[in-house]
C-alpha atoms as a PDB file:
ATOM      1  CA  MET A   1      24.200  37.026 -80.237  1.00  0.00           C
ATOM      2  CA  SER A   2      23.328  37.958 -76.704  1.00  0.00           C
ATOM      3  CA  THR A   3      25.534  36.697 -74.134  1.00  0.00           C
ATOM      4  CA  ALA A   4      24.006  35.991 -70.695  1.00  0.00           C
ATOM      5  CA  ARG A   5      25.848  36.642 -67.483  1.00  0.00           C
ATOM      6  CA  THR A   6      26.727  33.275 -65.737  1.00  0.00           C
ATOM      7  CA  PRO A   7      26.283  33.895 -61.845  1.00  0.00           C
ATOM      8  CA  LYS A   8      29.208  33.302 -59.973  1.00  0.00           C
ATOM      9  CA  VAL A   9      29.427  30.427 -57.420  1.00  0.00           C
ATOM     10  CA  SER A  10      29.203  32.956 -54.620  1.00  0.00           C
ATOM     11  CA  GLU A  11      25.786  33.898 -56.031  1.00  0.00           C
ATOM     12  CA  ARG A  12      24.263  30.504 -56.938  1.00  0.00           C
ATOM     13  CA  VAL A  13      24.858  29.380 -53.302  1.00  0.00           C
ATOM     14  CA  ALA A  14      22.748  31.249 -50.830  1.00  0.00           C
ATOM     15  CA  PRO A  15      24.811  31.155 -47.576  1.00  0.00           C
ATOM     16  CA  LYS A  16      23.060  29.078 -44.619  1.00  0.00           C
ATOM     17  CA  PRO A  17      21.937  30.643 -41.538  1.00  0.00           C
ATOM     18  CA  ALA A  18      24.310  29.602 -38.593  1.00  0.00           C
ATOM     19  CA  ASP A  19      23.040  26.541 -36.547  1.00  0.00           C
ATOM     20  CA  PRO A  20      21.889  27.714 -33.078  1.00  0.00           C
ATOM     21  CA  GLN A  21      24.171  26.938 -30.474  1.00  0.00           C
ATOM     22  CA  PRO A  22      23.018  24.296 -27.688  1.00  0.00           C
ATOM     23  CA  GLY A  23      21.063  26.253 -25.064  1.00  0.00           C
ATOM     24  CA  ASN A  24      19.937  29.146 -27.243  1.00  0.00           C
ATOM     25  CA  LYS A  25      16.119  30.044 -27.240  1.00  0.00           C
ATOM     26  CA  ARG A  26      13.798  30.819 -30.406  1.00  0.00           C
ATOM     27  CA  GLY A  27      10.877  32.916 -29.429  1.00  0.00           C
ATOM     28  CA  GLY A  28      11.462  32.348 -25.672  1.00  0.00           C
ATOM     29  CA  HIS A  29      11.294  28.442 -25.973  1.00  0.00           C
ATOM     30  CA  ASP A  30      13.971  25.848 -24.821  1.00  0.00           C
ATOM     31  CA  ASP A  31      14.810  23.633 -27.914  1.00  0.00           C
ATOM     32  CA  ASP A  32      15.389  20.885 -25.092  1.00  0.00           C
ATOM     33  CA  GLY A  33      11.992  20.478 -24.402  1.00  0.00           C
ATOM     34  CA  PRO A  34       9.315  21.490 -21.563  1.00  0.00           C
ATOM     35  CA  ASP A  35      10.867  22.273 -18.535  1.00  0.00           C
ATOM     36  CA  PHE A  36      10.325  20.255 -15.116  1.00  0.00           C
ATOM     37  CA  ARG A  37       7.242  22.546 -13.954  1.00  0.00           C
ATOM     38  CA  THR A  38       5.710  21.981 -17.360  1.00  0.00           C
ATOM     39  CA  LEU A  39       5.656  18.378 -17.206  1.00  0.00           C
ATOM     40  CA  LEU A  40       4.616  18.385 -13.450  1.00  0.00           C
ATOM     41  CA  ASN A  41       1.761  20.171 -14.168  1.00  0.00           C
ATOM     42  CA  ALA A  42       0.773  18.129 -16.948  1.00  0.00           C
ATOM     43  CA  TRP A  43       1.164  14.956 -14.812  1.00  0.00           C
ATOM     44  CA  LEU A  44      -1.047  16.129 -12.015  1.00  0.00           C
ATOM     45  CA  GLU A  45      -3.640  17.794 -14.563  1.00  0.00           C
ATOM     46  CA  SER A  46      -3.703  14.057 -15.913  1.00  0.00           C
ATOM     47  CA  HIS A  47      -4.149  12.238 -12.716  1.00  0.00           C
ATOM     48  CA  ARG A  48      -6.979  15.070 -11.747  1.00  0.00           C
ATOM     49  CA  ALA A  49      -8.758  14.442 -14.791  1.00  0.00           C
ATOM     50  CA  SER A  50      -8.624  10.682 -13.994  1.00  0.00           C
ATOM     51  CA  LEU A  51      -9.749  11.034 -10.512  1.00  0.00           C
ATOM     52  CA  ALA A  52     -12.785  13.305 -11.735  1.00  0.00           C
ATOM     53  CA  ASP A  53     -13.542  10.651 -14.516  1.00  0.00           C
ATOM     54  CA  SER A  54     -13.749   7.920 -11.988  1.00  0.00           C
ATOM     55  CA  LEU A  55     -15.715  10.007  -9.717  1.00  0.00           C
ATOM     56  CA  ARG A  56     -18.065  10.900 -12.382  1.00  0.00           C
ATOM     57  CA  ARG A  57     -18.393   7.125 -13.493  1.00  0.00           C
ATOM     58  CA  LEU A  58     -19.115   5.592 -10.166  1.00  0.00           C
ATOM     59  CA  ALA A  59     -21.793   8.623  -9.462  1.00  0.00           C
ATOM     60  CA  LYS A  60     -23.417   7.400 -12.505  1.00  0.00           C
ATOM     61  CA  GLN A  61     -24.080   4.149 -10.872  1.00  0.00           C
ATOM     62  CA  PRO A  62     -24.746   4.736  -7.147  1.00  0.00           C
ATOM     63  CA  ILE A  63     -26.760   1.777  -6.011  1.00  0.00           C
ATOM     64  CA  GLY A  64     -24.068  -0.617  -7.740  1.00  0.00           C
ATOM     65  CA  SER A  65     -21.142   1.226  -6.208  1.00  0.00           C
ATOM     66  CA  PHE A  66     -23.034   1.574  -2.763  1.00  0.00           C
ATOM     67  CA  PHE A  67     -23.689  -2.419  -2.661  1.00  0.00           C
ATOM     68  CA  THR A  68     -20.040  -3.228  -3.993  1.00  0.00           C
ATOM     69  CA  CYS A  69     -18.594  -1.189  -0.977  1.00  0.00           C
ATOM     70  CA  LEU A  70     -21.224  -2.666   1.321  1.00  0.00           C
ATOM     71  CA  VAL A  71     -20.060  -6.324   0.429  1.00  0.00           C
ATOM     72  CA  MET A  72     -16.204  -5.048   1.014  1.00  0.00           C
ATOM     73  CA  ALA A  73     -17.167  -3.269   4.185  1.00  0.00           C
ATOM     74  CA  VAL A  74     -18.932  -6.352   5.690  1.00  0.00           C
ATOM     75  CA  ALA A  75     -15.541  -8.555   4.649  1.00  0.00           C
ATOM     76  CA  LEU A  76     -13.282  -6.170   6.094  1.00  0.00           C
ATOM     77  CA  SER A  77     -15.397  -5.705   9.478  1.00  0.00           C
ATOM     78  CA  MET A  78     -15.383  -9.335  10.487  1.00  0.00           C
ATOM     79  CA  PRO A  79     -11.923 -10.119  11.276  1.00  0.00           C
ATOM     80  CA  MET A  80     -11.469  -6.562  12.803  1.00  0.00           C
ATOM     81  CA  GLY A  81     -14.446  -6.891  14.710  1.00  0.00           C
ATOM     82  CA  LEU A  82     -13.483 -10.376  16.103  1.00  0.00           C
ATOM     83  CA  SER A  83      -9.751  -8.815  16.937  1.00  0.00           C
ATOM     84  CA  LEU A  84     -11.512  -6.065  18.997  1.00  0.00           C
ATOM     85  CA  LEU A  85     -13.457  -8.743  20.882  1.00  0.00           C
ATOM     86  CA  LEU A  86     -10.681 -10.585  21.663  1.00  0.00           C
ATOM     87  CA  LYS A  87      -8.962  -7.627  23.099  1.00  0.00           C
ATOM     88  CA  ASN A  88     -12.076  -7.159  25.169  1.00  0.00           C
ATOM     89  CA  ILE A  89     -12.327 -10.597  26.512  1.00  0.00           C
ATOM     90  CA  GLU A  90      -8.654 -10.416  27.420  1.00  0.00           C
ATOM     91  CA  GLN A  91      -9.430  -7.465  29.462  1.00  0.00           C
ATOM     92  CA  LEU A  92     -12.323  -9.154  31.198  1.00  0.00           C
ATOM     93  CA  GLY A  93     -10.391 -12.141  32.398  1.00  0.00           C
ATOM     94  CA  GLY A  94      -7.731  -9.928  33.480  1.00  0.00           C
ATOM     95  CA  SER A  95      -4.515  -9.050  32.002  1.00  0.00           C
ATOM     96  CA  TRP A  96      -1.862 -11.433  31.315  1.00  0.00           C
ATOM     97  CA  GLN A  97       0.351 -10.215  34.176  1.00  0.00           C
ATOM     98  CA  ARG A  98      -2.541 -10.639  36.968  1.00  0.00           C
ATOM     99  CA  ALA A  99      -2.988 -13.908  35.510  1.00  0.00           C
ATOM    100  CA  ALA A 100       0.621 -15.283  35.916  1.00  0.00           C
ATOM    101  CA  GLN A 101       1.025 -13.803  39.691  1.00  0.00           C
ATOM    102  CA  ILE A 102       3.625 -15.434  42.051  1.00  0.00           C
ATOM    103  CA  SER A 103       2.205 -15.947  45.652  1.00  0.00           C
ATOM    104  CA  LEU A 104       5.050 -16.466  48.069  1.00  0.00           C
ATOM    105  CA  TYR A 105       3.808 -17.872  51.368  1.00  0.00           C
ATOM    106  CA  LEU A 106       5.769 -16.736  54.246  1.00  0.00           C
ATOM    107  CA  LYS A 107       6.586 -18.596  57.371  1.00  0.00           C
ATOM    108  CA  LEU A 108       4.404 -18.435  60.344  1.00  0.00           C
ATOM    109  CA  ASP A 109       6.631 -16.578  62.427  1.00  0.00           C
ATOM    110  CA  ALA A 110       7.367 -14.076  59.578  1.00  0.00           C
ATOM    111  CA  GLY A 111       6.056 -10.526  61.045  1.00  0.00           C
ATOM    112  CA  GLY A 112       4.724  -7.469  59.316  1.00  0.00           C
ATOM    113  CA  LYS A 113       8.294  -5.744  59.066  1.00  0.00           C
ATOM    114  CA  GLU A 114       9.888  -8.832  57.390  1.00  0.00           C
ATOM    115  CA  GLY A 115       7.110  -9.081  55.171  1.00  0.00           C
ATOM    116  CA  GLU A 116       7.405  -5.192  54.098  1.00  0.00           C
ATOM    117  CA  ALA A 117      11.163  -5.627  53.761  1.00  0.00           C
ATOM    118  CA  LEU A 118      10.763  -8.590  51.528  1.00  0.00           C
ATOM    119  CA  ARG A 119       8.418  -6.885  49.265  1.00  0.00           C
ATOM    120  CA  GLU A 120      10.905  -4.039  49.200  1.00  0.00           C
ATOM    121  CA  GLU A 121      13.790  -6.332  48.150  1.00  0.00           C
ATOM    122  CA  ILE A 122      11.418  -8.121  45.493  1.00  0.00           C
ATOM    123  CA  LYS A 123      10.409  -5.162  43.882  1.00  0.00           C
ATOM    124  CA  GLY A 124      13.880  -4.284  42.830  1.00  0.00           C
ATOM    125  CA  MET A 125      14.647  -7.582  41.442  1.00  0.00           C
ATOM    126  CA  PRO A 126      14.882  -7.985  37.452  1.00  0.00           C
ATOM    127  CA  GLY A 127      11.620  -9.271  35.886  1.00  0.00           C
ATOM    128  CA  VAL A 128       9.116  -8.058  38.768  1.00  0.00           C
ATOM    129  CA  ALA A 129       6.779  -5.395  37.838  1.00  0.00           C
ATOM    130  CA  ASP A 130       5.033  -5.039  41.274  1.00  0.00           C
ATOM    131  CA  ALA A 131       4.883  -6.730  44.433  1.00  0.00           C
ATOM    132  CA  GLN A 132       2.148  -6.322  47.121  1.00  0.00           C
ATOM    133  CA  TYR A 133       2.479  -7.664  50.996  1.00  0.00           C
ATOM    134  CA  VAL A 134      -0.669  -9.318  52.688  1.00  0.00           C
ATOM    135  CA  SER A 135      -0.222  -9.485  56.142  1.00  0.00           C
ATOM    136  CA  ARG A 136      -1.593 -12.362  58.243  1.00  0.00           C
ATOM    137  CA  GLU A 137      -4.472 -10.326  59.725  1.00  0.00           C
ATOM    138  CA  GLN A 138      -5.510  -9.303  56.269  1.00  0.00           C
ATOM    139  CA  ALA A 139      -5.453 -12.739  55.017  1.00  0.00           C
ATOM    140  CA  LEU A 140      -7.870 -13.818  57.761  1.00  0.00           C
ATOM    141  CA  GLU A 141     -10.371 -11.151  57.624  1.00  0.00           C
ATOM    142  CA  GLU A 142     -10.460 -11.631  53.417  1.00  0.00           C
ATOM    143  CA  PHE A 143     -10.753 -15.377  53.975  1.00  0.00           C
ATOM    144  CA  GLN A 144     -13.783 -14.866  56.567  1.00  0.00           C
ATOM    145  CA  GLN A 145     -15.529 -12.625  54.320  1.00  0.00           C
ATOM    146  CA  GLN A 146     -15.072 -15.050  51.434  1.00  0.00           C
ATOM    147  CA  SER A 147     -15.691 -18.069  52.917  1.00  0.00           C
ATOM    148  CA  GLY A 148     -18.786 -17.442  55.498  1.00  0.00           C
ATOM    149  CA  LEU A 149     -16.925 -19.100  58.398  1.00  0.00           C
ATOM    150  CA  GLY A 150     -16.164 -16.382  60.273  1.00  0.00           C
ATOM    151  CA  GLU A 151     -17.733 -17.388  63.504  1.00  0.00           C
ATOM    152  CA  ALA A 152     -15.946 -20.691  63.273  1.00  0.00           C
ATOM    153  CA  LEU A 153     -12.604 -18.988  62.471  1.00  0.00           C
ATOM    154  CA  ARG A 154     -12.901 -16.642  65.548  1.00  0.00           C
ATOM    155  CA  GLU A 155     -12.951 -20.052  67.833  1.00  0.00           C
ATOM    156  CA  LEU A 156      -9.474 -20.791  66.780  1.00  0.00           C
ATOM    157  CA  PRO A 157      -6.669 -19.989  69.307  1.00  0.00           C
ATOM    158  CA  ASP A 158      -4.410 -18.634  66.766  1.00  0.00           C
ATOM    159  CA  ASN A 159      -4.156 -17.288  63.181  1.00  0.00           C
ATOM    160  CA  PRO A 160      -3.433 -20.172  60.848  1.00  0.00           C
ATOM    161  CA  LEU A 161      -2.939 -18.072  57.915  1.00  0.00           C
ATOM    162  CA  PRO A 162       0.668 -16.787  56.788  1.00  0.00           C
ATOM    163  CA  GLY A 163       1.592 -13.302  55.341  1.00  0.00           C
ATOM    164  CA  VAL A 164       1.786 -13.587  51.485  1.00  0.00           C
ATOM    165  CA  VAL A 165       3.821 -11.344  49.168  1.00  0.00           C
ATOM    166  CA  VAL A 166       2.036 -11.481  45.678  1.00  0.00           C
ATOM    167  CA  VAL A 167       4.526 -10.781  42.738  1.00  0.00           C
ATOM    168  CA  THR A 168       3.376  -9.616  39.282  1.00  0.00           C
ATOM    169  CA  PRO A 169       6.071 -10.366  36.702  1.00  0.00           C
ATOM    170  CA  THR A 170       7.057  -8.081  33.915  1.00  0.00           C
ATOM    171  CA  GLU A 171       6.372 -10.836  31.230  1.00  0.00           C
ATOM    172  CA  VAL A 172       4.429 -13.728  30.475  1.00  0.00           C
ATOM    173  CA  ASP A 173       6.563 -16.587  29.277  1.00  0.00           C
ATOM    174  CA  LYS A 174       6.645 -20.107  30.889  1.00  0.00           C
ATOM    175  CA  PRO A 175      10.388 -20.609  31.144  1.00  0.00           C
ATOM    176  CA  ALA A 176      10.909 -17.075  32.438  1.00  0.00           C
ATOM    177  CA  LEU A 177       8.237 -17.498  35.135  1.00  0.00           C
ATOM    178  CA  GLU A 178       9.522 -20.813  36.409  1.00  0.00           C
ATOM    179  CA  ALA A 179      13.036 -19.557  36.629  1.00  0.00           C
ATOM    180  CA  LEU A 180      11.687 -16.190  38.481  1.00  0.00           C
ATOM    181  CA  ARG A 181       9.837 -18.532  40.942  1.00  0.00           C
ATOM    182  CA  GLN A 182      13.017 -20.773  41.718  1.00  0.00           C
ATOM    183  CA  ARG A 183      14.739 -17.561  42.621  1.00  0.00           C
ATOM    184  CA  LEU A 184      11.957 -16.161  44.690  1.00  0.00           C
ATOM    185  CA  ALA A 185      11.506 -19.981  46.582  1.00  0.00           C
ATOM    186  CA  GLU A 186      15.218 -19.459  47.602  1.00  0.00           C
ATOM    187  CA  LEU A 187      14.471 -16.142  49.560  1.00  0.00           C
ATOM    188  CA  PRO A 188      14.737 -16.461  53.449  1.00  0.00           C
ATOM    189  CA  ARG A 189      11.654 -16.397  55.318  1.00  0.00           C
ATOM    190  CA  VAL A 190       9.453 -17.669  52.148  1.00  0.00           C
ATOM    191  CA  GLU A 191       7.911 -21.197  52.889  1.00  0.00           C
ATOM    192  CA  VAL A 192       6.187 -21.830  49.404  1.00  0.00           C
ATOM    193  CA  ALA A 193       6.248 -20.072  45.948  1.00  0.00           C
ATOM    194  CA  GLN A 194       3.219 -21.057  44.093  1.00  0.00           C
ATOM    195  CA  LEU A 195       2.803 -20.318  40.369  1.00  0.00           C
ATOM    196  CA  ASP A 196      -0.466 -21.406  38.607  1.00  0.00           C
ATOM    197  CA  LEU A 197       1.165 -22.269  35.290  1.00  0.00           C
ATOM    198  CA  VAL A 198      -1.569 -24.189  34.283  1.00  0.00           C
ATOM    199  CA  TRP A 199      -3.976 -21.049  34.196  1.00  0.00           C
ATOM    200  CA  VAL A 200      -1.226 -19.627  32.089  1.00  0.00           C
ATOM    201  CA  GLU A 201      -1.131 -21.869  29.623  1.00  0.00           C
ATOM    202  CA  ARG A 202      -4.587 -22.266  28.965  1.00  0.00           C
ATOM    203  CA  LEU A 203      -5.108 -18.321  28.955  1.00  0.00           C
ATOM    204  CA  ALA A 204      -2.065 -18.441  25.996  1.00  0.00           C
ATOM    205  CA  ALA A 205      -3.807 -21.383  24.059  1.00  0.00           C
ATOM    206  CA  ILE A 206      -7.203 -19.572  24.085  1.00  0.00           C
ATOM    207  CA  LEU A 207      -5.850 -16.371  22.801  1.00  0.00           C
ATOM    208  CA  LYS A 208      -3.349 -18.005  20.686  1.00  0.00           C
ATOM    209  CA  LEU A 209      -6.429 -20.049  19.243  1.00  0.00           C
ATOM    210  CA  GLY A 210      -8.501 -16.865  18.459  1.00  0.00           C
ATOM    211  CA  ASP A 211      -5.712 -15.004  16.811  1.00  0.00           C
ATOM    212  CA  ARG A 212      -5.094 -17.828  14.343  1.00  0.00           C
ATOM    213  CA  PHE A 213      -8.748 -18.008  13.677  1.00  0.00           C
ATOM    214  CA  VAL A 214      -8.904 -14.226  13.179  1.00  0.00           C
ATOM    215  CA  PHE A 215      -5.506 -14.375  10.922  1.00  0.00           C
ATOM    216  CA  GLY A 216      -7.076 -17.218   8.826  1.00  0.00           C
ATOM    217  CA  LEU A 217     -10.266 -15.699   8.436  1.00  0.00           C
ATOM    218  CA  ALA A 218      -8.668 -12.200   7.336  1.00  0.00           C
ATOM    219  CA  VAL A 219      -6.734 -14.175   4.752  1.00  0.00           C
ATOM    220  CA  MET A 220      -9.591 -15.800   3.330  1.00  0.00           C
ATOM    221  CA  LEU A 221     -11.536 -12.525   3.175  1.00  0.00           C
ATOM    222  CA  ILE A 222      -8.826 -10.611   1.612  1.00  0.00           C
ATOM    223  CA  SER A 223      -8.564 -12.866  -1.168  1.00  0.00           C
ATOM    224  CA  ALA A 224     -12.484 -12.694  -1.694  1.00  0.00           C
ATOM    225  CA  LEU A 225     -12.012  -8.954  -1.658  1.00  0.00           C
ATOM    226  CA  LEU A 226      -9.136  -9.150  -4.429  1.00  0.00           C
ATOM    227  CA  LEU A 227     -11.671 -11.277  -6.296  1.00  0.00           C
ATOM    228  CA  VAL A 228     -14.738  -9.044  -6.100  1.00  0.00           C
ATOM    229  CA  ILE A 229     -12.788  -5.561  -6.889  1.00  0.00           C
ATOM    230  CA  GLY A 230     -10.961  -7.506  -9.787  1.00  0.00           C
ATOM    231  CA  ASN A 231     -14.090  -8.468 -10.973  1.00  0.00           C
ATOM    232  CA  THR A 232     -15.704  -5.281 -10.621  1.00  0.00           C
ATOM    233  CA  ILE A 233     -12.818  -3.560 -12.453  1.00  0.00           C
ATOM    234  CA  ARG A 234     -13.152  -5.870 -15.134  1.00  0.00           C
ATOM    235  CA  LEU A 235     -16.717  -5.149 -15.990  1.00  0.00           C
ATOM    236  CA  HIS A 236     -15.598  -1.452 -16.078  1.00  0.00           C
ATOM    237  CA  ILE A 237     -12.866  -2.298 -18.817  1.00  0.00           C
ATOM    238  CA  GLU A 238     -15.246  -4.420 -20.593  1.00  0.00           C
ATOM    239  CA  ASN A 239     -17.614  -1.521 -20.770  1.00  0.00           C
ATOM    240  CA  ARG A 240     -14.879   0.811 -22.138  1.00  0.00           C
ATOM    241  CA  ARG A 241     -13.158  -1.732 -24.572  1.00  0.00           C
ATOM    242  CA  VAL A 242     -13.970   0.556 -27.487  1.00  0.00           C
ATOM    243  CA  GLU A 243     -12.437   3.683 -25.881  1.00  0.00           C
ATOM    244  CA  ILE A 244      -9.311   1.803 -24.704  1.00  0.00           C
ATOM    245  CA  GLU A 245      -8.539   0.241 -28.040  1.00  0.00           C
ATOM    246  CA  VAL A 246      -8.840   3.568 -29.722  1.00  0.00           C
ATOM    247  CA  ILE A 247      -6.623   5.228 -27.230  1.00  0.00           C
ATOM    248  CA  LYS A 248      -4.095   2.585 -27.666  1.00  0.00           C
ATOM    249  CA  LEU A 249      -4.192   3.119 -31.528  1.00  0.00           C
ATOM    250  CA  VAL A 250      -3.525   6.967 -31.045  1.00  0.00           C
ATOM    251  CA  GLY A 251      -0.272   6.062 -28.972  1.00  0.00           C
ATOM    252  CA  GLY A 252      -1.834   6.067 -25.390  1.00  0.00           C
ATOM    253  CA  THR A 253       0.566   4.604 -22.761  1.00  0.00           C
ATOM    254  CA  ASP A 254      -0.316   1.659 -20.423  1.00  0.00           C
ATOM    255  CA  SER A 255      -0.206   3.971 -17.491  1.00  0.00           C
ATOM    256  CA  TYR A 256      -2.322   6.629 -18.968  1.00  0.00           C
ATOM    257  CA  VAL A 257      -4.980   3.772 -19.324  1.00  0.00           C
ATOM    258  CA  ARG A 258      -4.691   2.380 -16.464  1.00  0.00           C
ATOM    259  CA  ARG A 259      -4.849   5.278 -14.182  1.00  0.00           C
ATOM    260  CA  PRO A 260      -8.574   5.772 -14.173  1.00  0.00           C
ATOM    261  CA  PHE A 261      -9.063   2.153 -13.307  1.00  0.00           C
ATOM    262  CA  LEU A 262      -6.486   2.438 -10.073  1.00  0.00           C
ATOM    263  CA  TYR A 263      -8.405   5.315  -8.943  1.00  0.00           C
ATOM    264  CA  MET A 264     -11.852   3.617  -8.989  1.00  0.00           C
ATOM    265  CA  GLY A 265     -10.346   0.591  -7.322  1.00  0.00           C
ATOM    266  CA  ALA A 266      -8.852   3.104  -4.589  1.00  0.00           C
ATOM    267  CA  LEU A 267     -12.382   4.789  -4.289  1.00  0.00           C
ATOM    268  CA  TYR A 268     -14.040   1.463  -3.898  1.00  0.00           C
ATOM    269  CA  GLY A 269     -11.617   0.979  -1.132  1.00  0.00           C
ATOM    270  CA  LEU A 270     -11.961   4.167   0.664  1.00  0.00           C
ATOM    271  CA  GLY A 271     -15.754   3.802   0.520  1.00  0.00           C
ATOM    272  CA  ALA A 272     -15.597   0.277   1.910  1.00  0.00           C
ATOM    273  CA  GLY A 273     -13.298   1.264   4.622  1.00  0.00           C
ATOM    274  CA  LEU A 274     -15.690   4.072   5.752  1.00  0.00           C
ATOM    275  CA  LEU A 275     -18.448   1.839   5.781  1.00  0.00           C
ATOM    276  CA  ALA A 276     -16.690  -1.226   7.799  1.00  0.00           C
ATOM    277  CA  TRP A 277     -15.732   1.662  10.363  1.00  0.00           C
ATOM    278  CA  GLY A 278     -19.159   2.594  10.882  1.00  0.00           C
ATOM    279  CA  ILE A 279     -20.595  -1.040  11.098  1.00  0.00           C
ATOM    280  CA  LEU A 280     -17.888  -1.820  13.670  1.00  0.00           C
ATOM    281  CA  ALA A 281     -18.891   1.384  15.828  1.00  0.00           C
ATOM    282  CA  PHE A 282     -22.575   0.473  15.555  1.00  0.00           C
ATOM    283  CA  GLY A 283     -22.040  -3.299  16.058  1.00  0.00           C
ATOM    284  CA  LEU A 284     -19.966  -2.955  19.232  1.00  0.00           C
ATOM    285  CA  ASN A 285     -22.276  -0.117  20.743  1.00  0.00           C
ATOM    286  CA  TRP A 286     -25.276  -2.459  19.882  1.00  0.00           C
ATOM    287  CA  LEU A 287     -23.543  -5.507  21.607  1.00  0.00           C
ATOM    288  CA  ASN A 288     -22.573  -3.142  24.472  1.00  0.00           C
ATOM    289  CA  ASP A 289     -25.812  -2.815  26.081  1.00  0.00           C
ATOM    290  CA  ALA A 290     -26.584  -6.738  26.310  1.00  0.00           C
ATOM    291  CA  VAL A 291     -22.683  -7.028  27.897  1.00  0.00           C
ATOM    292  CA  VAL A 292     -23.369  -4.017  30.226  1.00  0.00           C
ATOM    293  CA  GLY A 293     -26.628  -5.491  31.306  1.00  0.00           C
ATOM    294  CA  LEU A 294     -24.755  -9.098  31.881  1.00  0.00           C
ATOM    295  CA  SER A 295     -22.067  -7.440  33.799  1.00  0.00           C
ATOM    296  CA  GLY A 296     -23.971  -5.685  35.958  1.00  0.00           C
ATOM    297  CA  LEU A 297     -25.449  -9.039  37.363  1.00  0.00           C
ATOM    298  CA  TYR A 298     -22.046 -10.113  38.429  1.00  0.00           C
ATOM    299  CA  ASN A 299     -21.576  -6.556  40.044  1.00  0.00           C
ATOM    300  CA  SER A 300     -19.302  -5.826  37.601  1.00  0.00           C
ATOM    301  CA  SER A 301     -18.615  -2.292  35.454  1.00  0.00           C
ATOM    302  CA  PHE A 302     -17.265  -4.293  32.482  1.00  0.00           C
ATOM    303  CA  ALA A 303     -18.242  -2.960  29.193  1.00  0.00           C
ATOM    304  CA  LEU A 304     -17.021  -3.036  25.539  1.00  0.00           C
ATOM    305  CA  GLY A 305     -14.528  -0.767  24.243  1.00  0.00           C
ATOM    306  CA  GLY A 306     -15.175   1.361  21.081  1.00  0.00           C
ATOM    307  CA  VAL A 307     -13.314   1.127  17.933  1.00  0.00           C
ATOM    308  CA  PRO A 308      -9.639   2.784  18.677  1.00  0.00           C
ATOM    309  CA  ALA A 309      -8.845   5.716  16.125  1.00  0.00           C
ATOM    310  CA  SER A 310      -5.458   3.905  15.113  1.00  0.00           C
ATOM    311  CA  ASP A 311      -7.240   0.659  14.239  1.00  0.00           C
ATOM    312  CA  GLY A 312     -10.105   2.640  12.309  1.00  0.00           C
ATOM    313  CA  LEU A 313      -7.047   4.501  10.123  1.00  0.00           C
ATOM    314  CA  SER A 314      -5.601   1.341   9.710  1.00  0.00           C
ATOM    315  CA  LEU A 315      -8.781  -0.355   8.593  1.00  0.00           C
ATOM    316  CA  LEU A 316      -9.258   2.757   6.254  1.00  0.00           C
ATOM    317  CA  ILE A 317      -5.674   2.829   4.909  1.00  0.00           C
ATOM    318  CA  GLY A 318      -5.668  -1.051   4.290  1.00  0.00           C
ATOM    319  CA  ALA A 319      -9.063  -1.014   2.557  1.00  0.00           C
ATOM    320  CA  VAL A 320      -7.575   1.809   0.038  1.00  0.00           C
ATOM    321  CA  LEU A 321      -4.529  -0.495  -0.619  1.00  0.00           C
ATOM    322  CA  LEU A 322      -6.532  -3.385  -1.204  1.00  0.00           C
ATOM    323  CA  GLY A 323      -8.750  -1.679  -3.883  1.00  0.00           C
ATOM    324  CA  TYR A 324      -5.748  -0.323  -5.445  1.00  0.00           C
ATOM    325  CA  ILE A 325      -3.783  -3.672  -5.543  1.00  0.00           C
ATOM    326  CA  GLY A 326      -7.096  -5.557  -6.870  1.00  0.00           C
ATOM    327  CA  ALA A 327      -7.642  -2.927  -9.723  1.00  0.00           C
ATOM    328  CA  TRP A 328      -3.765  -3.175 -10.801  1.00  0.00           C
ATOM    329  CA  ILE A 329      -4.097  -6.729 -10.951  1.00  0.00           C
ATOM    330  CA  ALA A 330      -7.213  -6.670 -13.043  1.00  0.00           C
ATOM    331  CA  VAL A 331      -5.986  -4.099 -15.349  1.00  0.00           C
ATOM    332  CA  ALA A 332      -2.600  -5.996 -15.735  1.00  0.00           C
ATOM    333  CA  ARG A 333      -4.383  -9.296 -16.786  1.00  0.00           C
ATOM    334  CA  HIS A 334      -6.592  -7.468 -19.351  1.00  0.00           C
ATOM    335  CA  LEU A 335      -4.262  -4.535 -20.815  1.00  0.00           C
ATOM    336  CA  ASN A 336      -2.534  -7.279 -23.300  1.00  0.00           C
ATOM    337  CA  GLU A 337      -5.770  -8.449 -24.355  1.00  0.00           C
ATOM    338  CA  LEU A 338      -6.863  -4.765 -25.598  1.00  0.00           C
ATOM    339  CA  ALA A 339      -3.715  -4.184 -27.687  1.00  0.00           C
ATOM    340  CA  PRO A 340      -4.191  -3.010 -31.089  1.00  0.00           C
ATOM    341  CA  ARG A 341      -3.707  -5.718 -33.597  1.00  0.00           C
END
């Protein structure tokens, strides 16, 4: 009877290799996963691919994309254009400070030296931006030229006009202006301190009404822009519904699905901002020809200013943000509907 050799326990159980210590590498790779540089490159590549895909899809529909940007541009240019016109109208009517000048009529016996000394004293007072002295002789000469009564005024035995100190305040505020007027009225050699508060209040009311109108119009048009961009992105989502459902079935994240649509909204906003900037520049230049002709009839050199670079850049950035926000709202609304069942 043959006897089979029974293997020992040490022969039956093969020794296991030692577990790798944390931090050990196999084949030059880290067991903890990809490093930061690899993740960053993958993230950048994903964004680059999404941007390229959005550009390609917009280029496939050039006419539709252009008209969508044009509608957004018209809505963006209207409040900005009205705001620029208000600024030009304010310049046409004179600055706020010149509209709120305080006229100090001196006593008739105040000489030129006293008027100049008073002017220097007033210029150093708080709340005063500038002060100019108009002598009695200068006031009479200006009145003769403007009134057309030069011959009659020359027959007068004495100059009936007093010297005047014209004070320009640093700020336009009714309580502050009234307080400054009272301080100036108490100065020696001042007979009357006059301030046309009614004109200041009218100017402030007109500009305030214009600002509120522009603000309300901007809010309405921004809401309309969000609806336009949201509806446009919704159509793109519906066209890619099957593709999105497949991506989510294989484990695609919401951010991965959302990314190309956000780029698409930002690109719509960029195109609309550039078109709006061009519309404003062309419109102001076209309108300026008529304004220059009209101001020339009144011996004025007034002309409309163009679109400042700061305002143009603000318009461009705002348009991109509006496109991005509108796309985000549209995608967030429809993303749950595309979840796999």
